[in-house]
Amino acid sequence: MSYRELRKFTEVMKALNFPRVISLESFRQPNFELVAGILFWLMMKHDPKSKIPPEIAKDVERVKFLVTIAEVIQLKMHLKLNLKRLYQADGHAVPELLKVAQVLHNAMVIHQQGGHHPGDSVGEPLLRSSSQPPTEDAAFVPLMLVSDSKQARQLATELTKDGARLYDLLQGELEHRDSRTRITSRPQDVHDVEQALRRLVTELQGEITATTESLDGLSKDEATLEAKIENKRAHLERQTKRLGSLVSVRPAFMEEYEKLETELQHLYVVYLEQYRNMEFLESELKRFHRLEEAALEEQESRLRELRERLRKDELRVLRGGEHSDLLQ
């Protein structure tokens, strides 16, 4: 990437009315979102009906996005892009972006100058002869304008449909030619023609009568609906006025309600205080019971130890008395 290419690209995008600001520092670091946004905008400007996948969050989606863009540009602009440089999304992507932007810029300049290339005279045709070597700026002069290409595609589609319809009509012509020739060759009876015309007039009068009756019914329905709308509008106005009067009028029990609400808030504060006190007293009572139970258990254990000690002393005394009797 050269400074000249980057400067030219920013000027071309500014001339194309790109909505974002592109500075000379935009491609110092890789910025795939900016490159993808520029490519998508250029493709929509060239052909809004192009189907380009908008997802670029994952690497696979980015590759698919670039491949689709390259295929569309190759098919419609006859340009070959370097996808590796575009995927880098840094300064190396600027020459590839400049190729596409330059084509649209040249088309815009040609359109503004009335269909002539900037270097051509007024009378010189748009397409150059094969003997003249095209310059770098005039490489894509044979390309049609964006609007002209859309119109050409539309005309080609309509031409195909008209050709198919004409083919079907010609097939019908082969089938009905004999019948038409036979009918036109025989002498026409004035009485038959008059009867046919009268029959057609009667049918048309019947259709006119049915249409008139339908229009009368629609008029009646319209009048009925307008009356209903007016009634609903009047009812809405009455309800709106009633709502305004209810909002502006202070109810008779409002003072008592506010007084009771204040008292309720005070009672709620007292209730919270008493509830906290009760919870505290219950916790203290539980703690006292635990301490009392622990003291009783300790006292019982001491009593058990004392009984055991007394029993052992009695046994020792009894055993000592028996031993003295044996010695005597």
C-alpha atoms as a PDB file:
ATOM      1  CA  MET A   1       0.000   0.000   0.000  1.00  0.00           C
ATOM      2  CA  SER A   2       1.248   3.445  -0.883  1.00  0.00           C
ATOM      3  CA  TYR A   3       0.213   6.764   0.531  1.00  0.00           C
ATOM      4  CA  ARG A   4      -1.037   7.791  -2.906  1.00  0.00           C
ATOM      5  CA  GLU A   5      -3.381   4.780  -3.165  1.00  0.00           C
ATOM      6  CA  LEU A   6      -4.780   5.348   0.325  1.00  0.00           C
ATOM      7  CA  ARG A   7      -5.309   9.051  -0.349  1.00  0.00           C
ATOM      8  CA  LYS A   8      -7.020   8.294  -3.672  1.00  0.00           C
ATOM      9  CA  PHE A   9      -9.243   5.668  -2.027  1.00  0.00           C
ATOM     10  CA  THR A  10     -10.397   8.075   0.690  1.00  0.00           C
ATOM     11  CA  GLU A  11     -11.197  10.732  -1.926  1.00  0.00           C
ATOM     12  CA  VAL A  12     -13.113   8.243  -4.095  1.00  0.00           C
ATOM     13  CA  MET A  13     -15.179   6.983  -1.138  1.00  0.00           C
ATOM     14  CA  LYS A  14     -15.913  10.547  -0.093  1.00  0.00           C
ATOM     15  CA  ALA A  15     -17.078  11.316  -3.638  1.00  0.00           C
ATOM     16  CA  LEU A  16     -19.342   8.245  -3.526  1.00  0.00           C
ATOM     17  CA  ASN A  17     -20.931   9.613  -0.298  1.00  0.00           C
ATOM     18  CA  PHE A  18     -19.790   6.757   1.921  1.00  0.00           C
ATOM     19  CA  PRO A  19     -21.575   7.308   5.283  1.00  0.00           C
ATOM     20  CA  ARG A  20     -18.530   6.603   7.486  1.00  0.00           C
ATOM     21  CA  VAL A  21     -15.373   8.675   7.733  1.00  0.00           C
ATOM     22  CA  ILE A  22     -12.257   6.947   6.360  1.00  0.00           C
ATOM     23  CA  SER A  23      -9.009   8.490   7.521  1.00  0.00           C
ATOM     24  CA  LEU A  24      -5.412   7.734   6.614  1.00  0.00           C
ATOM     25  CA  GLU A  25      -5.047   5.885   9.927  1.00  0.00           C
ATOM     26  CA  SER A  26      -7.987   3.522   9.365  1.00  0.00           C
ATOM     27  CA  PHE A  27      -5.826   0.782   7.845  1.00  0.00           C
ATOM     28  CA  ARG A  28      -2.794   0.956  10.140  1.00  0.00           C
ATOM     29  CA  GLN A  29      -4.133  -2.021  12.081  1.00  0.00           C
ATOM     30  CA  PRO A  30      -6.285  -4.926  10.746  1.00  0.00           C
ATOM     31  CA  ASN A  31      -9.937  -3.859  10.756  1.00  0.00           C
ATOM     32  CA  PHE A  32     -12.071  -6.508   9.078  1.00  0.00           C
ATOM     33  CA  GLU A  33     -15.349  -4.876  10.127  1.00  0.00           C
ATOM     34  CA  LEU A  34     -14.424  -1.705   8.192  1.00  0.00           C
ATOM     35  CA  VAL A  35     -13.338  -3.662   5.086  1.00  0.00           C
ATOM     36  CA  ALA A  36     -16.512  -5.782   5.185  1.00  0.00           C
ATOM     37  CA  GLY A  37     -18.682  -2.697   5.652  1.00  0.00           C
ATOM     38  CA  ILE A  38     -17.046  -0.966   2.655  1.00  0.00           C
ATOM     39  CA  LEU A  39     -17.461  -4.032   0.430  1.00  0.00           C
ATOM     40  CA  PHE A  40     -21.081  -4.538   1.472  1.00  0.00           C
ATOM     41  CA  TRP A  41     -21.886  -0.859   0.888  1.00  0.00           C
ATOM     42  CA  LEU A  42     -20.230  -0.867  -2.542  1.00  0.00           C
ATOM     43  CA  MET A  43     -22.140  -3.995  -3.586  1.00  0.00           C
ATOM     44  CA  MET A  44     -25.458  -2.550  -2.391  1.00  0.00           C
ATOM     45  CA  LYS A  45     -24.688   0.656  -4.294  1.00  0.00           C
ATOM     46  CA  HIS A  46     -23.942  -1.344  -7.441  1.00  0.00           C
ATOM     47  CA  ASP A  47     -26.845  -3.805  -7.125  1.00  0.00           C
ATOM     48  CA  PRO A  48     -29.185  -3.614  -4.102  1.00  0.00           C
ATOM     49  CA  LYS A  49     -30.630  -7.028  -5.014  1.00  0.00           C
ATOM     50  CA  SER A  50     -27.319  -8.824  -4.466  1.00  0.00           C
ATOM     51  CA  LYS A  51     -27.544 -11.535  -1.830  1.00  0.00           C
ATOM     52  CA  ILE A  52     -24.531 -11.052   0.453  1.00  0.00           C
ATOM     53  CA  PRO A  53     -24.332 -12.929   3.800  1.00  0.00           C
ATOM     54  CA  PRO A  54     -24.101 -10.257   6.546  1.00  0.00           C
ATOM     55  CA  GLU A  55     -22.549 -12.488   9.253  1.00  0.00           C
ATOM     56  CA  ILE A  56     -18.805 -11.937   9.812  1.00  0.00           C
ATOM     57  CA  ALA A  57     -18.390 -12.930  13.464  1.00  0.00           C
ATOM     58  CA  LYS A  58     -16.551 -16.225  12.815  1.00  0.00           C
ATOM     59  CA  ASP A  59     -13.628 -16.999  10.512  1.00  0.00           C
ATOM     60  CA  VAL A  60     -15.742 -19.347   8.383  1.00  0.00           C
ATOM     61  CA  GLU A  61     -18.380 -16.658   7.942  1.00  0.00           C
ATOM     62  CA  ARG A  62     -15.720 -14.107   6.942  1.00  0.00           C
ATOM     63  CA  VAL A  63     -14.326 -16.457   4.306  1.00  0.00           C
ATOM     64  CA  LYS A  64     -17.833 -17.120   2.969  1.00  0.00           C
ATOM     65  CA  PHE A  65     -18.525 -13.360   2.883  1.00  0.00           C
ATOM     66  CA  LEU A  66     -15.357 -12.621   0.878  1.00  0.00           C
ATOM     67  CA  VAL A  67     -15.907 -15.525  -1.536  1.00  0.00           C
ATOM     68  CA  THR A  68     -19.476 -14.382  -2.226  1.00  0.00           C
ATOM     69  CA  ILE A  69     -18.325 -10.790  -2.780  1.00  0.00           C
ATOM     70  CA  ALA A  70     -15.551 -11.941  -5.139  1.00  0.00           C
ATOM     71  CA  GLU A  71     -17.949 -14.112  -7.166  1.00  0.00           C
ATOM     72  CA  VAL A  72     -20.487 -11.303  -7.570  1.00  0.00           C
ATOM     73  CA  ILE A  73     -17.810  -8.774  -8.550  1.00  0.00           C
ATOM     74  CA  GLN A  74     -16.244 -11.243 -10.988  1.00  0.00           C
ATOM     75  CA  LEU A  75     -19.633 -11.891 -12.592  1.00  0.00           C
ATOM     76  CA  LYS A  76     -20.993  -8.336 -12.735  1.00  0.00           C
ATOM     77  CA  MET A  77     -17.895  -6.090 -12.832  1.00  0.00           C
ATOM     78  CA  HIS A  78     -15.376  -8.467 -14.460  1.00  0.00           C
ATOM     79  CA  LEU A  79     -12.871  -7.747 -11.694  1.00  0.00           C
ATOM     80  CA  LYS A  80     -10.634 -10.267  -9.962  1.00  0.00           C
ATOM     81  CA  LEU A  81      -9.916  -9.539  -6.319  1.00  0.00           C
ATOM     82  CA  ASN A  82      -7.132 -10.868  -4.113  1.00  0.00           C
ATOM     83  CA  LEU A  83      -9.030 -12.449  -1.213  1.00  0.00           C
ATOM     84  CA  LYS A  84      -5.866 -12.935   0.815  1.00  0.00           C
ATOM     85  CA  ARG A  85      -5.215  -9.189   0.891  1.00  0.00           C
ATOM     86  CA  LEU A  86      -8.853  -8.469   1.709  1.00  0.00           C
ATOM     87  CA  TYR A  87      -8.783 -10.976   4.570  1.00  0.00           C
ATOM     88  CA  GLN A  88      -5.728  -9.209   6.036  1.00  0.00           C
ATOM     89  CA  ALA A  89      -7.960  -6.114   6.362  1.00  0.00           C
ATOM     90  CA  ASP A  90      -5.038  -3.692   6.626  1.00  0.00           C
ATOM     91  CA  GLY A  91      -3.183  -1.507   4.148  1.00  0.00           C
ATOM     92  CA  HIS A  92      -2.805  -4.401   1.711  1.00  0.00           C
ATOM     93  CA  ALA A  93      -6.600  -4.445   1.225  1.00  0.00           C
ATOM     94  CA  VAL A  94      -6.733  -0.838  -0.013  1.00  0.00           C
ATOM     95  CA  PRO A  95      -5.718  -1.566  -3.672  1.00  0.00           C
ATOM     96  CA  GLU A  96      -8.400  -4.259  -3.914  1.00  0.00           C
ATOM     97  CA  LEU A  97     -11.047  -1.955  -2.482  1.00  0.00           C
ATOM     98  CA  LEU A  98      -9.893   0.823  -4.793  1.00  0.00           C
ATOM     99  CA  LYS A  99     -10.586  -1.381  -7.847  1.00  0.00           C
ATOM    100  CA  VAL A 100     -14.285  -1.685  -6.986  1.00  0.00           C
ATOM    101  CA  ALA A 101     -14.669   1.904  -5.799  1.00  0.00           C
ATOM    102  CA  GLN A 102     -12.974   3.258  -8.933  1.00  0.00           C
ATOM    103  CA  VAL A 103     -15.486   1.466 -11.174  1.00  0.00           C
ATOM    104  CA  LEU A 104     -18.441   3.062  -9.362  1.00  0.00           C
ATOM    105  CA  HIS A 105     -16.700   6.444  -9.314  1.00  0.00           C
ATOM    106  CA  ASN A 106     -16.054   6.327 -13.076  1.00  0.00           C
ATOM    107  CA  ALA A 107     -19.695   5.399 -13.662  1.00  0.00           C
ATOM    108  CA  MET A 108     -20.829   8.318 -11.513  1.00  0.00           C
ATOM    109  CA  VAL A 109     -18.545  10.732 -13.371  1.00  0.00           C
ATOM    110  CA  ILE A 110     -19.774   9.462 -16.750  1.00  0.00           C
ATOM    111  CA  HIS A 111     -23.370   9.859 -15.624  1.00  0.00           C
ATOM    112  CA  GLN A 112     -22.765  13.418 -14.394  1.00  0.00           C
ATOM    113  CA  GLN A 113     -21.121  14.399 -17.712  1.00  0.00           C
ATOM    114  CA  GLY A 114     -24.058  13.149 -19.754  1.00  0.00           C
ATOM    115  CA  GLY A 115     -22.810   9.696 -20.730  1.00  0.00           C
ATOM    116  CA  HIS A 116     -19.299  10.672 -21.967  1.00  0.00           C
ATOM    117  CA  HIS A 117     -16.004   9.722 -20.425  1.00  0.00           C
ATOM    118  CA  PRO A 118     -14.123  12.599 -18.765  1.00  0.00           C
ATOM    119  CA  GLY A 119     -11.391  12.494 -21.427  1.00  0.00           C
ATOM    120  CA  ASP A 120     -13.715  12.283 -24.416  1.00  0.00           C
ATOM    121  CA  SER A 121     -15.209  15.067 -26.470  1.00  0.00           C
ATOM    122  CA  VAL A 122     -18.946  15.567 -26.702  1.00  0.00           C
ATOM    123  CA  GLY A 123     -19.246  13.912 -30.073  1.00  0.00           C
ATOM    124  CA  GLU A 124     -16.889  10.987 -29.333  1.00  0.00           C
ATOM    125  CA  PRO A 125     -18.658   7.677 -28.730  1.00  0.00           C
ATOM    126  CA  LEU A 126     -18.426   6.026 -25.343  1.00  0.00           C
ATOM    127  CA  LEU A 127     -16.822   2.819 -26.610  1.00  0.00           C
ATOM    128  CA  ARG A 128     -13.279   3.214 -27.909  1.00  0.00           C
ATOM    129  CA  SER A 129     -11.947   1.357 -30.928  1.00  0.00           C
ATOM    130  CA  SER A 130      -9.859  -1.742 -30.422  1.00  0.00           C
ATOM    131  CA  SER A 131      -6.792  -0.038 -31.877  1.00  0.00           C
ATOM    132  CA  GLN A 132      -6.640   2.532 -29.055  1.00  0.00           C
ATOM    133  CA  PRO A 133      -4.906   1.242 -25.923  1.00  0.00           C
ATOM    134  CA  PRO A 134      -7.090   1.954 -22.873  1.00  0.00           C
ATOM    135  CA  THR A 135      -5.572   3.935 -20.054  1.00  0.00           C
ATOM    136  CA  GLU A 136      -5.769   2.984 -16.384  1.00  0.00           C
ATOM    137  CA  ASP A 137      -8.738   5.278 -15.694  1.00  0.00           C
ATOM    138  CA  ALA A 138     -10.544   4.239 -18.893  1.00  0.00           C
ATOM    139  CA  ALA A 139     -10.162   0.477 -18.395  1.00  0.00           C
ATOM    140  CA  PHE A 140     -13.805   0.069 -17.484  1.00  0.00           C
ATOM    141  CA  VAL A 141     -15.388   2.563 -19.870  1.00  0.00           C
ATOM    142  CA  PRO A 142     -17.365  -0.208 -21.707  1.00  0.00           C
ATOM    143  CA  LEU A 143     -19.149  -1.002 -18.475  1.00  0.00           C
ATOM    144  CA  MET A 144     -22.664   0.371 -18.302  1.00  0.00           C
ATOM    145  CA  LEU A 145     -23.838   2.662 -15.583  1.00  0.00           C
ATOM    146  CA  VAL A 146     -25.380   1.140 -12.515  1.00  0.00           C
ATOM    147  CA  SER A 147     -28.854   2.422 -13.362  1.00  0.00           C
ATOM    148  CA  ASP A 148     -28.449   1.377 -17.009  1.00  0.00           C
ATOM    149  CA  SER A 149     -27.457  -2.152 -15.998  1.00  0.00           C
ATOM    150  CA  LYS A 150     -30.542  -2.440 -13.799  1.00  0.00           C
ATOM    151  CA  GLN A 151     -32.749  -1.214 -16.626  1.00  0.00           C
ATOM    152  CA  ALA A 152     -31.075  -3.615 -19.055  1.00  0.00           C
ATOM    153  CA  ARG A 153     -31.688  -6.591 -16.744  1.00  0.00           C
ATOM    154  CA  GLN A 154     -35.329  -5.545 -16.312  1.00  0.00           C
ATOM    155  CA  LEU A 155     -35.797  -5.185 -20.069  1.00  0.00           C
ATOM    156  CA  ALA A 156     -34.171  -8.583 -20.653  1.00  0.00           C
ATOM    157  CA  THR A 157     -36.592 -10.186 -18.201  1.00  0.00           C
ATOM    158  CA  GLU A 158     -39.585  -8.497 -19.804  1.00  0.00           C
ATOM    159  CA  LEU A 159     -38.319  -9.486 -23.267  1.00  0.00           C
ATOM    160  CA  THR A 160     -38.101 -13.127 -22.200  1.00  0.00           C
ATOM    161  CA  LYS A 161     -41.646 -13.070 -20.808  1.00  0.00           C
ATOM    162  CA  ASP A 162     -43.014 -11.349 -23.914  1.00  0.00           C
ATOM    163  CA  GLY A 163     -41.244 -13.882 -26.139  1.00  0.00           C
ATOM    164  CA  ALA A 164     -42.753 -16.804 -24.229  1.00  0.00           C
ATOM    165  CA  ARG A 165     -46.223 -15.216 -24.399  1.00  0.00           C
ATOM    166  CA  LEU A 166     -45.833 -14.574 -28.127  1.00  0.00           C
ATOM    167  CA  TYR A 167     -44.832 -18.215 -28.646  1.00  0.00           C
ATOM    168  CA  ASP A 168     -47.960 -19.385 -26.811  1.00  0.00           C
ATOM    169  CA  LEU A 169     -50.143 -17.057 -28.888  1.00  0.00           C
ATOM    170  CA  LEU A 170     -48.604 -18.330 -32.126  1.00  0.00           C
ATOM    171  CA  GLN A 171     -49.323 -21.902 -31.049  1.00  0.00           C
ATOM    172  CA  GLY A 172     -52.931 -20.906 -30.470  1.00  0.00           C
ATOM    173  CA  GLU A 173     -52.991 -19.230 -33.866  1.00  0.00           C
ATOM    174  CA  LEU A 174     -52.121 -22.549 -35.520  1.00  0.00           C
ATOM    175  CA  GLU A 175     -54.990 -24.232 -33.716  1.00  0.00           C
ATOM    176  CA  HIS A 176     -57.664 -21.569 -34.374  1.00  0.00           C
ATOM    177  CA  ARG A 177     -56.657 -20.495 -37.880  1.00  0.00           C
ATOM    178  CA  ASP A 178     -58.980 -22.940 -39.660  1.00  0.00           C
ATOM    179  CA  SER A 179     -61.986 -22.037 -37.500  1.00  0.00           C
ATOM    180  CA  ARG A 180     -61.449 -18.311 -37.985  1.00  0.00           C
ATOM    181  CA  THR A 181     -61.026 -18.706 -41.741  1.00  0.00           C
ATOM    182  CA  ARG A 182     -64.182 -20.806 -41.978  1.00  0.00           C
ATOM    183  CA  ILE A 183     -66.257 -18.317 -39.989  1.00  0.00           C
ATOM    184  CA  THR A 184     -64.984 -15.251 -41.839  1.00  0.00           C
ATOM    185  CA  SER A 185     -65.432 -16.867 -45.254  1.00  0.00           C
ATOM    186  CA  ARG A 186     -69.139 -17.615 -44.895  1.00  0.00           C
ATOM    187  CA  PRO A 187     -71.688 -14.811 -45.425  1.00  0.00           C
ATOM    188  CA  GLN A 188     -72.771 -13.059 -42.262  1.00  0.00           C
ATOM    189  CA  ASP A 189     -76.462 -13.041 -41.333  1.00  0.00           C
ATOM    190  CA  VAL A 190     -77.554  -9.618 -40.130  1.00  0.00           C
ATOM    191  CA  HIS A 191     -80.231 -11.145 -37.913  1.00  0.00           C
ATOM    192  CA  ASP A 192     -77.714 -13.384 -36.116  1.00  0.00           C
ATOM    193  CA  VAL A 193     -75.329 -10.490 -35.625  1.00  0.00           C
ATOM    194  CA  GLU A 194     -78.137  -8.352 -34.247  1.00  0.00           C
ATOM    195  CA  GLN A 195     -79.196 -11.087 -31.814  1.00  0.00           C
ATOM    196  CA  ALA A 196     -75.594 -11.538 -30.637  1.00  0.00           C
ATOM    197  CA  LEU A 197     -75.201  -7.822 -30.084  1.00  0.00           C
ATOM    198  CA  ARG A 198     -78.491  -7.648 -28.178  1.00  0.00           C
ATOM    199  CA  ARG A 199     -77.398 -10.558 -26.016  1.00  0.00           C
ATOM    200  CA  LEU A 200     -74.108  -8.838 -25.253  1.00  0.00           C
ATOM    201  CA  VAL A 201     -75.904  -5.579 -24.455  1.00  0.00           C
ATOM    202  CA  THR A 202     -78.264  -7.432 -22.084  1.00  0.00           C
ATOM    203  CA  GLU A 203     -75.332  -9.091 -20.311  1.00  0.00           C
ATOM    204  CA  LEU A 204     -73.537  -5.765 -19.984  1.00  0.00           C
ATOM    205  CA  GLN A 205     -76.662  -4.119 -18.613  1.00  0.00           C
ATOM    206  CA  GLY A 206     -76.980  -6.892 -16.040  1.00  0.00           C
ATOM    207  CA  GLU A 207     -73.351  -6.421 -15.008  1.00  0.00           C
ATOM    208  CA  ILE A 208     -73.908  -2.653 -14.782  1.00  0.00           C
ATOM    209  CA  THR A 209     -76.991  -3.180 -12.608  1.00  0.00           C
ATOM    210  CA  ALA A 210     -75.132  -5.587 -10.301  1.00  0.00           C
ATOM    211  CA  THR A 211     -72.216  -3.183 -10.016  1.00  0.00           C
ATOM    212  CA  THR A 212     -74.573  -0.281  -9.263  1.00  0.00           C
ATOM    213  CA  GLU A 213     -76.333  -2.286  -6.538  1.00  0.00           C
ATOM    214  CA  SER A 214     -72.964  -3.234  -5.073  1.00  0.00           C
ATOM    215  CA  LEU A 215     -71.916   0.411  -5.038  1.00  0.00           C
ATOM    216  CA  ASP A 216     -75.189   1.369  -3.330  1.00  0.00           C
ATOM    217  CA  GLY A 217     -74.600  -1.282  -0.702  1.00  0.00           C
ATOM    218  CA  LEU A 218     -71.071  -0.034  -0.167  1.00  0.00           C
ATOM    219  CA  SER A 219     -72.381   3.515   0.220  1.00  0.00           C
ATOM    220  CA  LYS A 220     -74.890   2.374   2.838  1.00  0.00           C
ATOM    221  CA  ASP A 221     -72.183   0.429   4.676  1.00  0.00           C
ATOM    222  CA  GLU A 222     -69.929   3.466   4.553  1.00  0.00           C
ATOM    223  CA  ALA A 223     -72.663   5.693   6.008  1.00  0.00           C
ATOM    224  CA  THR A 224     -73.332   3.133   8.765  1.00  0.00           C
ATOM    225  CA  LEU A 225     -69.643   2.897   9.632  1.00  0.00           C
ATOM    226  CA  GLU A 226     -69.288   6.683   9.700  1.00  0.00           C
ATOM    227  CA  ALA A 227     -72.278   6.907  12.085  1.00  0.00           C
ATOM    228  CA  LYS A 228     -70.713   4.275  14.341  1.00  0.00           C
ATOM    229  CA  ILE A 229     -67.391   6.106  14.272  1.00  0.00           C
ATOM    230  CA  GLU A 230     -69.090   9.353  15.248  1.00  0.00           C
ATOM    231  CA  ASN A 231     -70.903   7.624  18.124  1.00  0.00           C
ATOM    232  CA  LYS A 232     -67.664   6.075  19.352  1.00  0.00           C
ATOM    233  CA  ARG A 233     -65.882   9.425  19.061  1.00  0.00           C
ATOM    234  CA  ALA A 234     -68.617  11.165  21.079  1.00  0.00           C
ATOM    235  CA  HIS A 235     -68.522   8.405  23.684  1.00  0.00           C
ATOM    236  CA  LEU A 236     -64.745   8.741  23.898  1.00  0.00           C
ATOM    237  CA  GLU A 237     -65.019  12.495  24.421  1.00  0.00           C
ATOM    238  CA  ARG A 238     -67.574  12.001  27.203  1.00  0.00           C
ATOM    239  CA  GLN A 239     -65.434   9.414  28.921  1.00  0.00           C
ATOM    240  CA  THR A 240     -62.369  11.663  28.611  1.00  0.00           C
ATOM    241  CA  LYS A 241     -64.240  14.566  30.219  1.00  0.00           C
ATOM    242  CA  ARG A 242     -65.483  12.281  32.998  1.00  0.00           C
ATOM    243  CA  LEU A 243     -61.976  11.033  33.636  1.00  0.00           C
ATOM    244  CA  GLY A 244     -60.698  14.606  33.852  1.00  0.00           C
ATOM    245  CA  SER A 245     -63.405  15.524  36.361  1.00  0.00           C
ATOM    246  CA  LEU A 246     -62.665  12.443  38.481  1.00  0.00           C
ATOM    247  CA  VAL A 247     -58.958  13.245  38.502  1.00  0.00           C
ATOM    248  CA  SER A 248     -59.535  16.859  39.515  1.00  0.00           C
ATOM    249  CA  VAL A 249     -62.124  16.118  42.271  1.00  0.00           C
ATOM    250  CA  ARG A 250     -60.746  15.037  45.665  1.00  0.00           C
ATOM    251  CA  PRO A 251     -62.793  12.180  47.214  1.00  0.00           C
ATOM    252  CA  ALA A 252     -64.577  12.811  50.557  1.00  0.00           C
ATOM    253  CA  PHE A 253     -62.847   9.926  52.330  1.00  0.00           C
ATOM    254  CA  MET A 254     -59.353  10.925  51.169  1.00  0.00           C
ATOM    255  CA  GLU A 255     -58.449  12.725  54.438  1.00  0.00           C
ATOM    256  CA  GLU A 256     -59.496   9.748  56.537  1.00  0.00           C
ATOM    257  CA  TYR A 257     -57.580   7.463  54.199  1.00  0.00           C
ATOM    258  CA  GLU A 258     -54.382   9.519  54.535  1.00  0.00           C
ATOM    259  CA  LYS A 259     -54.822   9.634  58.327  1.00  0.00           C
ATOM    260  CA  LEU A 260     -55.265   5.866  58.515  1.00  0.00           C
ATOM    261  CA  GLU A 261     -52.299   5.380  56.211  1.00  0.00           C
ATOM    262  CA  THR A 262     -50.087   7.472  58.527  1.00  0.00           C
ATOM    263  CA  GLU A 263     -51.332   5.540  61.537  1.00  0.00           C
ATOM    264  CA  LEU A 264     -50.711   2.290  59.727  1.00  0.00           C
ATOM    265  CA  GLN A 265     -47.128   3.282  59.015  1.00  0.00           C
ATOM    266  CA  HIS A 266     -46.617   4.132  62.700  1.00  0.00           C
ATOM    267  CA  LEU A 267     -48.148   0.806  63.791  1.00  0.00           C
ATOM    268  CA  TYR A 268     -45.968  -1.011  61.297  1.00  0.00           C
ATOM    269  CA  VAL A 269     -42.858   0.581  62.820  1.00  0.00           C
ATOM    270  CA  VAL A 270     -44.038  -0.467  66.317  1.00  0.00           C
ATOM    271  CA  TYR A 271     -44.776  -3.958  65.027  1.00  0.00           C
ATOM    272  CA  LEU A 272     -41.296  -4.275  63.555  1.00  0.00           C
ATOM    273  CA  GLU A 273     -39.717  -3.140  66.825  1.00  0.00           C
ATOM    274  CA  GLN A 274     -41.780  -5.569  68.911  1.00  0.00           C
ATOM    275  CA  TYR A 275     -41.081  -8.363  66.468  1.00  0.00           C
ATOM    276  CA  ARG A 276     -37.321  -7.769  66.699  1.00  0.00           C
ATOM    277  CA  ASN A 277     -37.573  -7.658  70.512  1.00  0.00           C
ATOM    278  CA  MET A 278     -39.543 -10.877  70.593  1.00  0.00           C
ATOM    279  CA  GLU A 279     -37.034 -12.599  68.348  1.00  0.00           C
ATOM    280  CA  PHE A 280     -34.212 -11.391  70.574  1.00  0.00           C
ATOM    281  CA  LEU A 281     -35.959 -12.600  73.756  1.00  0.00           C
ATOM    282  CA  GLU A 282     -36.691 -15.978  72.195  1.00  0.00           C
ATOM    283  CA  SER A 283     -33.055 -16.373  71.197  1.00  0.00           C
ATOM    284  CA  GLU A 284     -31.948 -15.397  74.724  1.00  0.00           C
ATOM    285  CA  LEU A 285     -34.439 -17.898  76.214  1.00  0.00           C
ATOM    286  CA  LYS A 286     -33.105 -20.653  73.981  1.00  0.00           C
ATOM    287  CA  ARG A 287     -29.551 -19.799  74.975  1.00  0.00           C
ATOM    288  CA  PHE A 288     -30.553 -19.849  78.691  1.00  0.00           C
ATOM    289  CA  HIS A 289     -32.168 -23.271  78.244  1.00  0.00           C
ATOM    290  CA  ARG A 290     -29.033 -24.581  76.561  1.00  0.00           C
ATOM    291  CA  LEU A 291     -26.878 -23.281  79.415  1.00  0.00           C
ATOM    292  CA  GLU A 292     -29.247 -24.754  82.014  1.00  0.00           C
ATOM    293  CA  GLU A 293     -29.228 -28.115  80.275  1.00  0.00           C
ATOM    294  CA  ALA A 294     -25.453 -28.034  80.101  1.00  0.00           C
ATOM    295  CA  ALA A 295     -25.260 -27.230  83.854  1.00  0.00           C
ATOM    296  CA  LEU A 296     -27.652 -30.075  84.700  1.00  0.00           C
ATOM    297  CA  GLU A 297     -25.659 -32.518  82.601  1.00  0.00           C
ATOM    298  CA  GLU A 298     -22.461 -31.417  84.292  1.00  0.00           C
ATOM    299  CA  GLN A 299     -24.089 -31.793  87.745  1.00  0.00           C
ATOM    300  CA  GLU A 300     -25.360 -35.266  86.893  1.00  0.00           C
ATOM    301  CA  SER A 301     -21.940 -36.294  85.652  1.00  0.00           C
ATOM    302  CA  ARG A 302     -20.407 -35.095  88.931  1.00  0.00           C
ATOM    303  CA  LEU A 303     -23.026 -37.014  90.918  1.00  0.00           C
ATOM    304  CA  ARG A 304     -22.303 -40.142  88.917  1.00  0.00           C
ATOM    305  CA  GLU A 305     -18.595 -39.741  89.581  1.00  0.00           C
ATOM    306  CA  LEU A 306     -19.272 -39.205  93.308  1.00  0.00           C
ATOM    307  CA  ARG A 307     -21.486 -42.313  93.515  1.00  0.00           C
ATOM    308  CA  GLU A 308     -18.872 -44.325  91.708  1.00  0.00           C
ATOM    309  CA  ARG A 309     -16.167 -43.086  94.069  1.00  0.00           C
ATOM    310  CA  LEU A 310     -18.316 -43.909  97.150  1.00  0.00           C
ATOM    311  CA  ARG A 311     -19.096 -47.369  95.836  1.00  0.00           C
ATOM    312  CA  LYS A 312     -15.427 -48.045  95.260  1.00  0.00           C
ATOM    313  CA  ASP A 313     -14.598 -46.788  98.761  1.00  0.00           C
ATOM    314  CA  GLU A 314     -17.253 -49.051 100.290  1.00  0.00           C
ATOM    315  CA  LEU A 315     -15.925 -52.013  98.358  1.00  0.00           C
ATOM    316  CA  ARG A 316     -12.415 -51.239  99.447  1.00  0.00           C
ATOM    317  CA  VAL A 317     -13.552 -50.929 103.096  1.00  0.00           C
ATOM    318  CA  LEU A 318     -15.482 -54.177 102.893  1.00  0.00           C
ATOM    319  CA  ARG A 319     -12.577 -55.984 101.305  1.00  0.00           C
ATOM    320  CA  GLY A 320     -10.226 -54.563 103.978  1.00  0.00           C
ATOM    321  CA  GLY A 321     -12.535 -55.876 106.815  1.00  0.00           C
ATOM    322  CA  GLU A 322     -12.737 -59.366 105.345  1.00  0.00           C
ATOM    323  CA  HIS A 323      -8.956 -59.530 105.067  1.00  0.00           C
ATOM    324  CA  SER A 324      -8.465 -58.577 108.737  1.00  0.00           C
ATOM    325  CA  ASP A 325     -10.940 -61.319 109.845  1.00  0.00           C
ATOM    326  CA  LEU A 326      -9.006 -63.908 107.912  1.00  0.00           C
ATOM    327  CA  LEU A 327      -5.757 -62.875 109.543  1.00  0.00           C
ATOM    328  CA  GLN A 328      -7.247 -63.264 113.021  1.00  0.00           C
END
